[in-house]
Protein backbone atom coordinates (compact mmCIF):
# COMPACT_ATOMS: atom_id res chain seq x y z
CA UNK A 1 50.00 -35.74 -68.84
CA UNK A 2 48.62 -36.32 -72.39
CA UNK A 3 45.42 -34.29 -72.95
CA UNK A 4 42.23 -36.64 -71.78
CA UNK A 5 39.05 -34.99 -72.46
CA UNK A 6 37.58 -36.57 -69.33
CA UNK A 7 40.15 -35.76 -66.72
CA UNK A 8 41.03 -32.76 -65.40
CA UNK A 9 44.51 -31.14 -65.13
CA UNK A 10 44.48 -33.07 -61.34
CA UNK A 11 43.53 -36.28 -62.76
CA UNK A 12 40.07 -36.22 -61.72
CA UNK A 13 37.32 -37.83 -63.85
CA UNK A 14 35.06 -34.86 -64.70
CA UNK A 15 31.99 -37.17 -65.91
CA UNK A 16 32.12 -39.17 -62.25
CA UNK A 17 32.20 -35.62 -60.57
CA UNK A 18 29.28 -34.51 -62.78
CA UNK A 19 27.45 -37.41 -62.13
CA UNK A 20 28.03 -37.35 -58.27
CA UNK A 21 27.00 -33.70 -58.12
CA UNK A 22 23.78 -34.49 -60.07
CA UNK A 23 23.01 -37.31 -57.62
CA UNK A 24 23.53 -35.06 -54.71
CA UNK A 25 21.36 -32.01 -56.01
CA UNK A 26 18.66 -34.88 -56.35
CA UNK A 27 19.08 -36.22 -52.59
CA UNK A 28 18.89 -32.36 -51.55
CA UNK A 29 15.75 -31.68 -53.50
CA UNK A 30 14.15 -34.65 -52.03
CA UNK A 31 14.97 -33.35 -48.41
CA UNK A 32 17.19 -36.31 -47.43
CA UNK A 33 19.59 -33.91 -45.94
CA UNK A 34 19.78 -30.46 -44.26
CA UNK A 35 15.94 -30.11 -43.50
CA UNK A 36 16.00 -33.17 -41.50
CA UNK A 37 18.70 -31.91 -39.16
CA UNK A 38 17.05 -28.66 -39.41
CA UNK A 39 13.87 -29.88 -37.94
CA UNK A 40 15.21 -31.49 -35.17
CA UNK A 41 16.90 -28.41 -33.91
CA UNK A 42 15.75 -26.20 -31.25
CA UNK A 43 16.80 -22.82 -31.56
CA UNK A 44 16.19 -21.29 -28.51
CA UNK A 45 18.28 -24.03 -27.06
CA UNK A 46 21.09 -23.57 -29.35
CA UNK A 47 21.00 -19.75 -28.46
CA UNK A 48 20.88 -20.25 -24.81
CA UNK A 49 23.85 -22.52 -25.17
CA UNK A 50 25.91 -19.92 -27.43
CA UNK A 51 24.96 -17.26 -24.93
CA UNK A 52 26.40 -19.44 -22.00
CA UNK A 53 29.46 -19.85 -24.07
CA UNK A 54 30.04 -16.61 -24.72
CA UNK A 55 29.69 -15.50 -21.17
CA UNK A 56 32.25 -18.13 -20.23
CA UNK A 57 34.73 -16.79 -22.87
CA UNK A 58 34.49 -13.15 -21.65
CA UNK A 59 34.73 -14.34 -17.93
CA UNK A 60 38.12 -16.57 -18.86
CA UNK A 61 39.20 -13.52 -20.54
CA UNK A 62 38.92 -11.09 -18.06
CA UNK A 63 41.10 -13.22 -15.31
C-alpha cells in the first residue's frame, strides 16, 4: 500500500475514527448512554437472579 497519511496499515480512515471517537465521548459526557441504563437497574433483583443462577449451576454439576 502506498504511504497514505490519513490511512492506517489496515486501510482505516484515521481522521474519521478520531471524529467518531470525539462524538462518542461527547455523547457519553452528556449521559446519553450508560447512566441511563444504570438508573433503570434494580441491583437487588440482579443479585437475586445471580444467586439463583449460581444455585442452579451447582445443583446441575452435582448430578
